[in-house]
Amino acid sequence: MTKIAVVFHSGYGHTLRMAQSVADGASAAAGSHVDLVSIDAEGSVSDAGWATLGAASAIIMGSPTYMGSVSWQFKKFADASSKPWFGQAWKDKIFAGFTNSATMNGDKLSTLHYLFTLAMQHGGIWVGTGQMPSNAKAAQRNDINFVGSSSGAMAQSPSDASPAEMLPGDLETARLFGQRVALVAGRFGA
């Protein structure tokens, strides 16, 4: 059984929706079990959440992109992860990340770089999307990986759009990404 934890902060519900799609994809991979670990509005994770992260073979991290980086709540979680870091408790785990912002670019890559750096600090192994970008003239906004990220899953939600209005293509990108992470973790025997 490959245990996967999806740890995330969501300010308005869009990143939660992505986290659920990532988890759905990871759950679809044979032999995987997925738990969502929510970072609350105060930037805290429950003791049970920390235990889930410790037991996981793969940790998929998610944060909205605010002002070109992760939310302060996610940053508080990252700083608190220094406790497992001191003991190298997460070394050699599979890691991956996802983000959402209101604009098409929104400096989302800075957020993914932050997540990647955090994973590398923990001695982790990073998994990207493995998806080709939808970048031909015939591409439509609702295509898989229309935002065009290789590093991790990205979504774009207009600032006045509710989580229910997220585009199915972005959510499918997240689902396929979660599935890939679970398959890679399974190959590593994690």
N, C-alpha and C. Protein backbone atom coordinates (compact mmCIF):
# COMPACT_ATOMS: atom_id res chain seq x y z
N MET A 1 0.85 -1.19 0.00
CA MET A 1 0.00 0.00 0.00
C MET A 1 0.89 1.25 0.00
N THR A 2 0.71 2.11 -0.98
CA THR A 2 1.42 3.37 -1.06
C THR A 2 0.57 4.44 -0.39
N LYS A 3 1.10 5.00 0.69
CA LYS A 3 0.38 6.05 1.42
C LYS A 3 0.80 7.41 0.89
N ILE A 4 -0.21 8.18 0.50
CA ILE A 4 0.04 9.51 -0.06
C ILE A 4 -0.72 10.53 0.77
N ALA A 5 -0.01 11.60 1.13
CA ALA A 5 -0.63 12.70 1.85
C ALA A 5 -0.63 13.94 0.95
N VAL A 6 -1.78 14.58 0.86
CA VAL A 6 -1.91 15.83 0.13
C VAL A 6 -2.10 16.92 1.19
N VAL A 7 -1.04 17.70 1.42
CA VAL A 7 -1.08 18.75 2.44
C VAL A 7 -1.22 20.09 1.73
N PHE A 8 -2.18 20.90 2.18
CA PHE A 8 -2.49 22.12 1.42
C PHE A 8 -3.11 23.18 2.31
N HIS A 9 -2.98 24.41 1.86
CA HIS A 9 -3.75 25.52 2.43
C HIS A 9 -4.61 26.07 1.31
N SER A 10 -5.84 26.41 1.63
CA SER A 10 -6.76 27.01 0.65
C SER A 10 -7.42 28.22 1.31
N GLY A 11 -7.24 29.37 0.70
CA GLY A 11 -7.81 30.58 1.25
C GLY A 11 -9.28 30.78 0.92
N TYR A 12 -9.66 30.43 -0.30
CA TYR A 12 -11.03 30.70 -0.76
C TYR A 12 -11.74 29.47 -1.32
N GLY A 13 -11.08 28.31 -1.28
CA GLY A 13 -11.71 27.07 -1.73
C GLY A 13 -11.20 26.54 -3.05
N HIS A 14 -10.49 27.36 -3.83
CA HIS A 14 -9.99 26.91 -5.13
C HIS A 14 -8.88 25.86 -4.96
N THR A 15 -7.96 26.12 -4.04
CA THR A 15 -6.87 25.17 -3.82
C THR A 15 -7.39 23.89 -3.18
N LEU A 16 -8.42 23.99 -2.35
CA LEU A 16 -9.09 22.80 -1.82
C LEU A 16 -9.63 21.96 -2.97
N ARG A 17 -10.26 22.60 -3.91
CA ARG A 17 -10.83 21.87 -5.06
C ARG A 17 -9.72 21.17 -5.86
N MET A 18 -8.60 21.87 -6.03
CA MET A 18 -7.45 21.23 -6.69
C MET A 18 -6.94 20.05 -5.88
N ALA A 19 -6.82 20.24 -4.55
CA ALA A 19 -6.34 19.16 -3.68
C ALA A 19 -7.23 17.93 -3.81
N GLN A 20 -8.53 18.15 -3.87
CA GLN A 20 -9.45 17.03 -4.02
C GLN A 20 -9.25 16.32 -5.36
N SER A 21 -8.99 17.08 -6.42
CA SER A 21 -8.74 16.47 -7.74
C SER A 21 -7.43 15.70 -7.74
N VAL A 22 -6.39 16.27 -7.12
CA VAL A 22 -5.11 15.57 -6.99
C VAL A 22 -5.32 14.26 -6.23
N ALA A 23 -6.05 14.32 -5.13
CA ALA A 23 -6.32 13.13 -4.32
C ALA A 23 -7.13 12.10 -5.10
N ASP A 24 -8.11 12.55 -5.87
CA ASP A 24 -8.90 11.62 -6.69
C ASP A 24 -8.00 10.87 -7.67
N GLY A 25 -7.09 11.59 -8.31
CA GLY A 25 -6.17 10.95 -9.25
C GLY A 25 -5.24 9.97 -8.57
N ALA A 26 -4.69 10.38 -7.43
CA ALA A 26 -3.78 9.50 -6.70
C ALA A 26 -4.51 8.25 -6.21
N SER A 27 -5.76 8.41 -5.80
CA SER A 27 -6.56 7.27 -5.32
C SER A 27 -6.85 6.28 -6.42
N ALA A 28 -6.87 6.76 -7.67
CA ALA A 28 -7.17 5.88 -8.80
C ALA A 28 -6.04 4.91 -9.11
N ALA A 29 -4.84 5.22 -8.64
CA ALA A 29 -3.70 4.33 -8.87
C ALA A 29 -3.84 3.11 -7.96
N ALA A 30 -3.68 1.94 -8.54
CA ALA A 30 -3.83 0.70 -7.77
C ALA A 30 -2.85 0.67 -6.61
N GLY A 31 -3.34 0.24 -5.47
CA GLY A 31 -2.49 0.07 -4.31
C GLY A 31 -2.14 1.34 -3.56
N SER A 32 -2.90 2.41 -3.79
CA SER A 32 -2.59 3.65 -3.08
C SER A 32 -3.73 4.06 -2.15
N HIS A 33 -3.34 4.68 -1.07
CA HIS A 33 -4.28 5.24 -0.10
C HIS A 33 -3.92 6.71 0.07
N VAL A 34 -4.90 7.60 -0.01
CA VAL A 34 -4.65 9.04 0.01
C VAL A 34 -5.40 9.69 1.16
N ASP A 35 -4.69 10.58 1.86
CA ASP A 35 -5.28 11.39 2.92
C ASP A 35 -5.05 12.86 2.61
N LEU A 36 -6.09 13.66 2.80
CA LEU A 36 -5.97 15.11 2.71
C LEU A 36 -5.59 15.65 4.08
N VAL A 37 -4.58 16.52 4.11
CA VAL A 37 -4.14 17.16 5.35
C VAL A 37 -4.28 18.67 5.13
N SER A 38 -5.24 19.26 5.81
CA SER A 38 -5.52 20.67 5.61
C SER A 38 -4.71 21.53 6.59
N ILE A 39 -4.13 22.59 6.06
CA ILE A 39 -3.49 23.61 6.88
C ILE A 39 -4.57 24.63 7.16
N ASP A 40 -4.87 24.88 8.43
CA ASP A 40 -6.01 25.74 8.76
C ASP A 40 -5.69 27.23 8.57
N ALA A 41 -6.67 28.06 8.84
CA ALA A 41 -6.55 29.51 8.62
C ALA A 41 -5.48 30.15 9.50
N GLU A 42 -5.06 29.45 10.54
CA GLU A 42 -3.99 29.95 11.41
C GLU A 42 -2.63 29.36 11.04
N GLY A 43 -2.59 28.56 9.96
CA GLY A 43 -1.34 27.96 9.53
C GLY A 43 -0.94 26.72 10.31
N SER A 44 -1.89 26.11 10.97
CA SER A 44 -1.60 24.95 11.81
C SER A 44 -2.09 23.66 11.17
N VAL A 45 -1.42 22.57 11.53
CA VAL A 45 -1.81 21.22 11.12
C VAL A 45 -2.04 20.43 12.41
N SER A 46 -3.07 19.62 12.43
CA SER A 46 -3.37 18.82 13.62
C SER A 46 -2.27 17.79 13.87
N ASP A 47 -2.23 17.27 15.10
CA ASP A 47 -1.28 16.21 15.42
C ASP A 47 -1.51 14.99 14.52
N ALA A 48 -2.78 14.70 14.24
CA ALA A 48 -3.09 13.58 13.34
C ALA A 48 -2.56 13.86 11.94
N GLY A 49 -2.63 15.11 11.50
CA GLY A 49 -2.09 15.49 10.19
C GLY A 49 -0.58 15.29 10.12
N TRP A 50 0.13 15.70 11.18
CA TRP A 50 1.58 15.48 11.22
C TRP A 50 1.91 13.99 11.19
N ALA A 51 1.11 13.18 11.89
CA ALA A 51 1.32 11.73 11.88
C ALA A 51 1.09 11.15 10.48
N THR A 52 0.07 11.66 9.80
CA THR A 52 -0.21 11.21 8.43
C THR A 52 0.96 11.54 7.52
N LEU A 53 1.51 12.74 7.63
CA LEU A 53 2.67 13.13 6.82
C LEU A 53 3.87 12.24 7.13
N GLY A 54 4.07 11.93 8.39
CA GLY A 54 5.19 11.08 8.77
C GLY A 54 5.07 9.67 8.22
N ALA A 55 3.86 9.16 8.12
CA ALA A 55 3.63 7.79 7.63
C ALA A 55 3.55 7.70 6.12
N ALA A 56 3.43 8.84 5.45
CA ALA A 56 3.25 8.84 3.99
C ALA A 56 4.53 8.49 3.25
N SER A 57 4.37 7.83 2.13
CA SER A 57 5.47 7.56 1.22
C SER A 57 5.67 8.73 0.25
N ALA A 58 4.57 9.44 0.00
CA ALA A 58 4.61 10.59 -0.90
C ALA A 58 3.84 11.74 -0.27
N ILE A 59 4.39 12.94 -0.41
CA ILE A 59 3.74 14.15 0.09
C ILE A 59 3.55 15.10 -1.08
N ILE A 60 2.29 15.40 -1.37
CA ILE A 60 1.96 16.36 -2.44
C ILE A 60 1.50 17.63 -1.74
N MET A 61 2.20 18.73 -2.00
CA MET A 61 1.95 19.99 -1.32
C MET A 61 1.20 20.96 -2.22
N GLY A 62 0.28 21.72 -1.64
CA GLY A 62 -0.47 22.70 -2.42
C GLY A 62 -0.70 23.99 -1.67
N SER A 63 -0.57 25.09 -2.38
CA SER A 63 -0.83 26.41 -1.81
C SER A 63 -1.31 27.33 -2.92
N PRO A 64 -2.20 28.25 -2.58
CA PRO A 64 -2.49 29.30 -3.56
C PRO A 64 -1.24 30.16 -3.73
N THR A 65 -1.14 30.81 -4.85
CA THR A 65 -0.06 31.77 -5.05
C THR A 65 -0.58 33.14 -4.66
N TYR A 66 -0.01 33.68 -3.60
CA TYR A 66 -0.33 35.02 -3.12
C TYR A 66 0.94 35.86 -3.22
N MET A 67 0.86 36.96 -3.90
CA MET A 67 1.99 37.88 -4.00
C MET A 67 3.27 37.17 -4.43
N GLY A 68 3.14 36.22 -5.35
CA GLY A 68 4.29 35.54 -5.95
C GLY A 68 4.89 34.41 -5.14
N SER A 69 4.20 33.90 -4.14
CA SER A 69 4.73 32.78 -3.36
C SER A 69 3.58 32.06 -2.65
N VAL A 70 3.94 31.16 -1.76
CA VAL A 70 2.94 30.43 -0.98
C VAL A 70 2.25 31.39 -0.01
N SER A 71 1.09 30.98 0.48
CA SER A 71 0.38 31.76 1.49
C SER A 71 1.18 31.75 2.79
N TRP A 72 0.93 32.73 3.66
CA TRP A 72 1.66 32.76 4.94
C TRP A 72 1.31 31.53 5.77
N GLN A 73 0.10 31.02 5.60
CA GLN A 73 -0.29 29.83 6.35
C GLN A 73 0.56 28.62 5.93
N PHE A 74 0.79 28.50 4.62
CA PHE A 74 1.64 27.40 4.15
C PHE A 74 3.07 27.60 4.64
N LYS A 75 3.54 28.84 4.62
CA LYS A 75 4.91 29.14 5.08
C LYS A 75 5.06 28.76 6.55
N LYS A 76 4.04 29.02 7.36
CA LYS A 76 4.09 28.64 8.78
C LYS A 76 4.23 27.12 8.90
N PHE A 77 3.46 26.39 8.09
CA PHE A 77 3.58 24.93 8.07
C PHE A 77 5.00 24.52 7.66
N ALA A 78 5.52 25.14 6.62
CA ALA A 78 6.87 24.80 6.14
C ALA A 78 7.91 25.02 7.23
N ASP A 79 7.79 26.15 7.92
CA ASP A 79 8.73 26.41 9.01
C ASP A 79 8.59 25.37 10.12
N ALA A 80 7.36 24.98 10.41
CA ALA A 80 7.13 23.96 11.44
C ALA A 80 7.67 22.59 11.02
N SER A 81 7.83 22.38 9.70
CA SER A 81 8.35 21.09 9.23
C SER A 81 9.83 20.94 9.53
N SER A 82 10.44 21.95 10.14
CA SER A 82 11.84 21.81 10.55
C SER A 82 11.99 20.73 11.62
N LYS A 83 10.92 20.45 12.36
CA LYS A 83 11.00 19.38 13.38
C LYS A 83 11.29 18.03 12.72
N PRO A 84 10.51 17.58 11.70
CA PRO A 84 10.89 16.33 11.04
C PRO A 84 12.21 16.47 10.26
N TRP A 85 12.52 17.69 9.80
CA TRP A 85 13.78 17.91 9.07
C TRP A 85 14.99 17.58 9.93
N PHE A 86 14.97 18.01 11.21
CA PHE A 86 16.11 17.76 12.10
C PHE A 86 16.44 16.28 12.18
N GLY A 87 15.44 15.43 12.15
CA GLY A 87 15.67 13.99 12.21
C GLY A 87 15.69 13.33 10.84
N GLN A 88 15.61 14.13 9.78
CA GLN A 88 15.56 13.62 8.40
C GLN A 88 14.44 12.60 8.23
N ALA A 89 13.31 12.85 8.89
CA ALA A 89 12.18 11.93 8.88
C ALA A 89 11.52 11.81 7.51
N TRP A 90 11.64 12.84 6.67
CA TRP A 90 10.98 12.80 5.37
C TRP A 90 11.97 12.54 4.23
N LYS A 91 13.20 12.20 4.56
CA LYS A 91 14.22 11.95 3.54
C LYS A 91 13.79 10.78 2.65
N ASP A 92 14.00 10.95 1.36
CA ASP A 92 13.71 9.95 0.32
C ASP A 92 12.22 9.71 0.08
N LYS A 93 11.36 10.55 0.63
CA LYS A 93 9.94 10.49 0.27
C LYS A 93 9.77 11.11 -1.11
N ILE A 94 8.72 10.73 -1.79
CA ILE A 94 8.34 11.35 -3.06
C ILE A 94 7.60 12.64 -2.72
N PHE A 95 7.92 13.72 -3.44
CA PHE A 95 7.27 15.02 -3.24
C PHE A 95 6.77 15.56 -4.57
N ALA A 96 5.75 16.38 -4.51
CA ALA A 96 5.23 17.08 -5.68
C ALA A 96 4.43 18.28 -5.18
N GLY A 97 4.06 19.18 -6.10
CA GLY A 97 3.34 20.36 -5.66
C GLY A 97 2.39 20.92 -6.70
N PHE A 98 1.43 21.72 -6.22
CA PHE A 98 0.45 22.35 -7.10
C PHE A 98 0.06 23.71 -6.54
N THR A 99 -0.47 24.56 -7.43
CA THR A 99 -0.87 25.90 -7.02
C THR A 99 -1.95 26.44 -7.94
N ASN A 100 -2.57 27.52 -7.49
CA ASN A 100 -3.63 28.21 -8.21
C ASN A 100 -3.48 29.70 -7.95
N SER A 101 -3.77 30.50 -8.96
CA SER A 101 -3.83 31.96 -8.74
C SER A 101 -4.88 32.54 -9.67
N ALA A 102 -5.18 33.82 -9.47
CA ALA A 102 -6.24 34.48 -10.23
C ALA A 102 -5.83 34.82 -11.65
N THR A 103 -4.55 35.04 -11.89
CA THR A 103 -4.12 35.40 -13.24
C THR A 103 -3.45 34.22 -13.93
N MET A 104 -3.35 34.29 -15.24
CA MET A 104 -2.79 33.18 -16.00
C MET A 104 -1.36 32.86 -15.56
N ASN A 105 -0.53 33.89 -15.41
CA ASN A 105 0.83 33.67 -14.93
C ASN A 105 0.83 33.77 -13.42
N GLY A 106 0.58 34.95 -12.90
CA GLY A 106 0.47 35.13 -11.46
C GLY A 106 1.71 34.76 -10.67
N ASP A 107 2.83 34.56 -11.37
CA ASP A 107 4.08 34.13 -10.72
C ASP A 107 3.92 32.80 -9.99
N LYS A 108 3.07 31.93 -10.54
CA LYS A 108 2.86 30.61 -9.95
C LYS A 108 4.14 29.77 -9.90
N LEU A 109 5.03 29.97 -10.87
CA LEU A 109 6.26 29.18 -10.88
C LEU A 109 7.09 29.45 -9.63
N SER A 110 7.03 30.68 -9.11
CA SER A 110 7.75 30.99 -7.86
C SER A 110 7.22 30.12 -6.72
N THR A 111 5.92 29.90 -6.70
CA THR A 111 5.33 29.04 -5.66
C THR A 111 5.81 27.60 -5.82
N LEU A 112 5.80 27.11 -7.05
CA LEU A 112 6.27 25.73 -7.27
C LEU A 112 7.75 25.61 -6.92
N HIS A 113 8.55 26.64 -7.23
CA HIS A 113 9.97 26.61 -6.85
C HIS A 113 10.12 26.56 -5.32
N TYR A 114 9.26 27.30 -4.63
CA TYR A 114 9.30 27.26 -3.16
C TYR A 114 9.01 25.84 -2.66
N LEU A 115 7.96 25.22 -3.22
CA LEU A 115 7.60 23.86 -2.80
C LEU A 115 8.72 22.88 -3.13
N PHE A 116 9.33 23.03 -4.31
CA PHE A 116 10.45 22.19 -4.72
C PHE A 116 11.62 22.34 -3.75
N THR A 117 11.94 23.59 -3.40
CA THR A 117 13.05 23.83 -2.49
C THR A 117 12.77 23.21 -1.12
N LEU A 118 11.55 23.33 -0.64
CA LEU A 118 11.17 22.71 0.62
C LEU A 118 11.37 21.19 0.55
N ALA A 119 10.93 20.60 -0.54
CA ALA A 119 11.10 19.15 -0.72
C ALA A 119 12.58 18.77 -0.74
N MET A 120 13.40 19.56 -1.41
CA MET A 120 14.83 19.27 -1.47
C MET A 120 15.48 19.44 -0.09
N GLN A 121 15.02 20.44 0.68
CA GLN A 121 15.53 20.61 2.05
C GLN A 121 15.29 19.35 2.87
N HIS A 122 14.16 18.69 2.60
CA HIS A 122 13.83 17.46 3.33
C HIS A 122 14.48 16.22 2.71
N GLY A 123 15.27 16.39 1.66
CA GLY A 123 15.92 15.24 1.03
C GLY A 123 14.98 14.41 0.18
N GLY A 124 13.93 15.06 -0.34
CA GLY A 124 12.92 14.35 -1.10
C GLY A 124 13.26 14.18 -2.57
N ILE A 125 12.40 13.44 -3.24
CA ILE A 125 12.50 13.17 -4.68
C ILE A 125 11.29 13.81 -5.35
N TRP A 126 11.52 14.77 -6.25
CA TRP A 126 10.46 15.58 -6.85
C TRP A 126 9.88 14.92 -8.10
N VAL A 127 8.56 15.02 -8.24
CA VAL A 127 7.86 14.52 -9.43
C VAL A 127 7.10 15.69 -10.07
N GLY A 128 7.33 15.90 -11.36
CA GLY A 128 6.61 16.93 -12.11
C GLY A 128 5.35 16.35 -12.74
N THR A 129 4.73 17.14 -13.61
CA THR A 129 3.45 16.72 -14.18
C THR A 129 3.58 15.60 -15.21
N GLY A 130 4.67 15.60 -15.97
CA GLY A 130 4.80 14.62 -17.05
C GLY A 130 3.79 14.86 -18.17
N GLN A 131 3.21 16.06 -18.22
CA GLN A 131 2.18 16.38 -19.20
C GLN A 131 2.72 17.36 -20.24
N MET A 132 2.39 17.11 -21.47
CA MET A 132 2.72 18.07 -22.53
C MET A 132 1.81 19.28 -22.38
N PRO A 133 2.35 20.48 -22.67
CA PRO A 133 1.49 21.67 -22.61
C PRO A 133 0.54 21.72 -23.79
N SER A 134 -0.60 22.32 -23.60
CA SER A 134 -1.54 22.56 -24.71
C SER A 134 -1.19 23.92 -25.29
N ASN A 135 -0.29 23.92 -26.27
CA ASN A 135 0.23 25.18 -26.76
C ASN A 135 0.16 25.36 -28.28
N ALA A 136 -0.66 24.56 -28.94
CA ALA A 136 -0.84 24.70 -30.39
C ALA A 136 -1.96 25.71 -30.67
N LYS A 137 -2.06 26.16 -31.90
CA LYS A 137 -3.11 27.12 -32.26
C LYS A 137 -4.50 26.56 -31.97
N ALA A 138 -4.64 25.26 -32.06
CA ALA A 138 -5.96 24.64 -31.83
C ALA A 138 -6.28 24.47 -30.34
N ALA A 139 -5.34 24.80 -29.46
CA ALA A 139 -5.55 24.60 -28.02
C ALA A 139 -6.72 25.46 -27.53
N GLN A 140 -7.46 24.89 -26.59
CA GLN A 140 -8.59 25.57 -25.95
C GLN A 140 -8.28 25.73 -24.47
N ARG A 141 -8.83 26.76 -23.84
CA ARG A 141 -8.55 27.04 -22.43
C ARG A 141 -8.88 25.86 -21.53
N ASN A 142 -9.77 25.00 -21.91
CA ASN A 142 -10.17 23.88 -21.07
C ASN A 142 -9.37 22.61 -21.34
N ASP A 143 -8.30 22.70 -22.13
CA ASP A 143 -7.45 21.54 -22.41
C ASP A 143 -6.59 21.18 -21.20
N ILE A 144 -6.10 19.96 -21.19
CA ILE A 144 -5.18 19.50 -20.16
C ILE A 144 -3.90 20.33 -20.24
N ASN A 145 -3.42 20.77 -19.10
CA ASN A 145 -2.18 21.53 -18.95
C ASN A 145 -2.12 22.75 -19.88
N PHE A 146 -3.24 23.45 -19.99
CA PHE A 146 -3.27 24.67 -20.80
C PHE A 146 -2.34 25.73 -20.21
N VAL A 147 -2.20 25.76 -18.88
CA VAL A 147 -1.32 26.74 -18.23
C VAL A 147 0.14 26.40 -18.53
N GLY A 148 0.43 25.17 -18.89
CA GLY A 148 1.73 24.78 -19.43
C GLY A 148 2.83 24.58 -18.40
N SER A 149 2.56 23.88 -17.33
CA SER A 149 3.58 23.65 -16.31
C SER A 149 4.11 22.22 -16.36
N SER A 150 5.41 22.11 -16.23
CA SER A 150 6.05 20.80 -16.10
C SER A 150 6.42 20.52 -14.65
N SER A 151 6.66 21.56 -13.87
CA SER A 151 7.16 21.42 -12.50
C SER A 151 6.13 20.88 -11.52
N GLY A 152 4.88 21.23 -11.73
CA GLY A 152 3.79 20.81 -10.86
C GLY A 152 2.50 21.30 -11.47
N ALA A 153 1.39 20.91 -10.91
CA ALA A 153 0.09 21.30 -11.48
C ALA A 153 -0.21 22.76 -11.16
N MET A 154 -0.69 23.46 -12.18
CA MET A 154 -1.10 24.85 -12.03
C MET A 154 -2.53 25.01 -12.51
N ALA A 155 -3.26 25.89 -11.83
CA ALA A 155 -4.61 26.24 -12.27
C ALA A 155 -4.76 27.75 -12.19
N GLN A 156 -5.73 28.26 -12.93
CA GLN A 156 -6.02 29.68 -12.93
C GLN A 156 -7.51 29.85 -12.70
N SER A 157 -7.85 30.63 -11.68
CA SER A 157 -9.25 30.90 -11.36
C SER A 157 -9.44 32.40 -11.26
N PRO A 158 -10.26 33.00 -12.11
CA PRO A 158 -10.47 34.44 -12.01
C PRO A 158 -10.83 34.86 -10.59
N SER A 159 -10.41 36.06 -10.21
CA SER A 159 -10.58 36.52 -8.83
C SER A 159 -12.04 36.61 -8.40
N ASP A 160 -12.95 36.72 -9.36
CA ASP A 160 -14.37 36.79 -9.02
C ASP A 160 -15.11 35.48 -9.30
N ALA A 161 -14.36 34.39 -9.51
CA ALA A 161 -14.97 33.08 -9.77
C ALA A 161 -15.00 32.25 -8.49
N SER A 162 -16.10 31.58 -8.27
CA SER A 162 -16.21 30.69 -7.11
C SER A 162 -15.44 29.39 -7.39
N PRO A 163 -15.14 28.62 -6.35
CA PRO A 163 -14.50 27.32 -6.56
C PRO A 163 -15.32 26.41 -7.49
N ALA A 164 -16.64 26.53 -7.46
CA ALA A 164 -17.50 25.72 -8.32
C ALA A 164 -17.32 26.07 -9.80
N GLU A 165 -16.77 27.25 -10.08
CA GLU A 165 -16.57 27.69 -11.46
C GLU A 165 -15.19 27.35 -12.01
N MET A 166 -14.39 26.62 -11.25
CA MET A 166 -13.07 26.23 -11.77
C MET A 166 -13.24 25.41 -13.04
N LEU A 167 -12.32 25.59 -13.96
CA LEU A 167 -12.42 24.91 -15.25
C LEU A 167 -12.13 23.42 -15.12
N PRO A 168 -12.96 22.60 -15.75
CA PRO A 168 -12.73 21.15 -15.71
C PRO A 168 -11.34 20.76 -16.24
N GLY A 169 -10.81 21.48 -17.21
CA GLY A 169 -9.47 21.16 -17.73
C GLY A 169 -8.39 21.31 -16.68
N ASP A 170 -8.48 22.35 -15.86
CA ASP A 170 -7.50 22.54 -14.78
C ASP A 170 -7.64 21.45 -13.73
N LEU A 171 -8.88 21.07 -13.43
CA LEU A 171 -9.10 20.02 -12.44
C LEU A 171 -8.66 18.65 -12.97
N GLU A 172 -8.85 18.43 -14.25
CA GLU A 172 -8.38 17.18 -14.86
C GLU A 172 -6.85 17.14 -14.89
N THR A 173 -6.23 18.28 -15.14
CA THR A 173 -4.78 18.37 -15.07
C THR A 173 -4.31 17.96 -13.68
N ALA A 174 -4.98 18.46 -12.64
CA ALA A 174 -4.64 18.12 -11.26
C ALA A 174 -4.86 16.64 -10.98
N ARG A 175 -5.97 16.09 -11.50
CA ARG A 175 -6.27 14.67 -11.29
C ARG A 175 -5.19 13.78 -11.92
N LEU A 176 -4.84 14.08 -13.16
CA LEU A 176 -3.81 13.30 -13.85
C LEU A 176 -2.45 13.43 -13.16
N PHE A 177 -2.18 14.62 -12.63
CA PHE A 177 -0.95 14.85 -11.89
C PHE A 177 -0.92 13.98 -10.63
N GLY A 178 -2.00 13.95 -9.88
CA GLY A 178 -2.06 13.11 -8.69
C GLY A 178 -1.86 11.64 -9.02
N GLN A 179 -2.46 11.22 -10.12
CA GLN A 179 -2.32 9.83 -10.56
C GLN A 179 -0.86 9.51 -10.88
N ARG A 180 -0.18 10.45 -11.55
CA ARG A 180 1.23 10.24 -11.89
C ARG A 180 2.08 10.12 -10.64
N VAL A 181 1.86 11.00 -9.69
CA VAL A 181 2.65 10.95 -8.45
C VAL A 181 2.45 9.60 -7.76
N ALA A 182 1.23 9.12 -7.70
CA ALA A 182 0.96 7.82 -7.07
C ALA A 182 1.65 6.69 -7.83
N LEU A 183 1.62 6.73 -9.14
CA LEU A 183 2.29 5.69 -9.94
C LEU A 183 3.79 5.71 -9.74
N VAL A 184 4.38 6.90 -9.71
CA VAL A 184 5.82 7.01 -9.47
C VAL A 184 6.17 6.51 -8.07
N ALA A 185 5.38 6.89 -7.08
CA ALA A 185 5.63 6.42 -5.72
C ALA A 185 5.55 4.90 -5.65
N GLY A 186 4.60 4.32 -6.38
CA GLY A 186 4.48 2.87 -6.43
C GLY A 186 5.70 2.22 -7.07
N ARG A 187 6.24 2.85 -8.10
CA ARG A 187 7.43 2.30 -8.76
C ARG A 187 8.64 2.33 -7.84
N PHE A 188 8.70 3.34 -6.99
CA PHE A 188 9.80 3.44 -6.04
C PHE A 188 9.59 2.48 -4.86
N GLY A 189 8.45 1.82 -4.84
CA GLY A 189 8.16 0.91 -3.74
C GLY A 189 7.93 1.68 -2.44
N ALA A 190 7.54 2.94 -2.62
CA ALA A 190 7.36 3.78 -1.44
C ALA A 190 6.06 3.48 -0.75
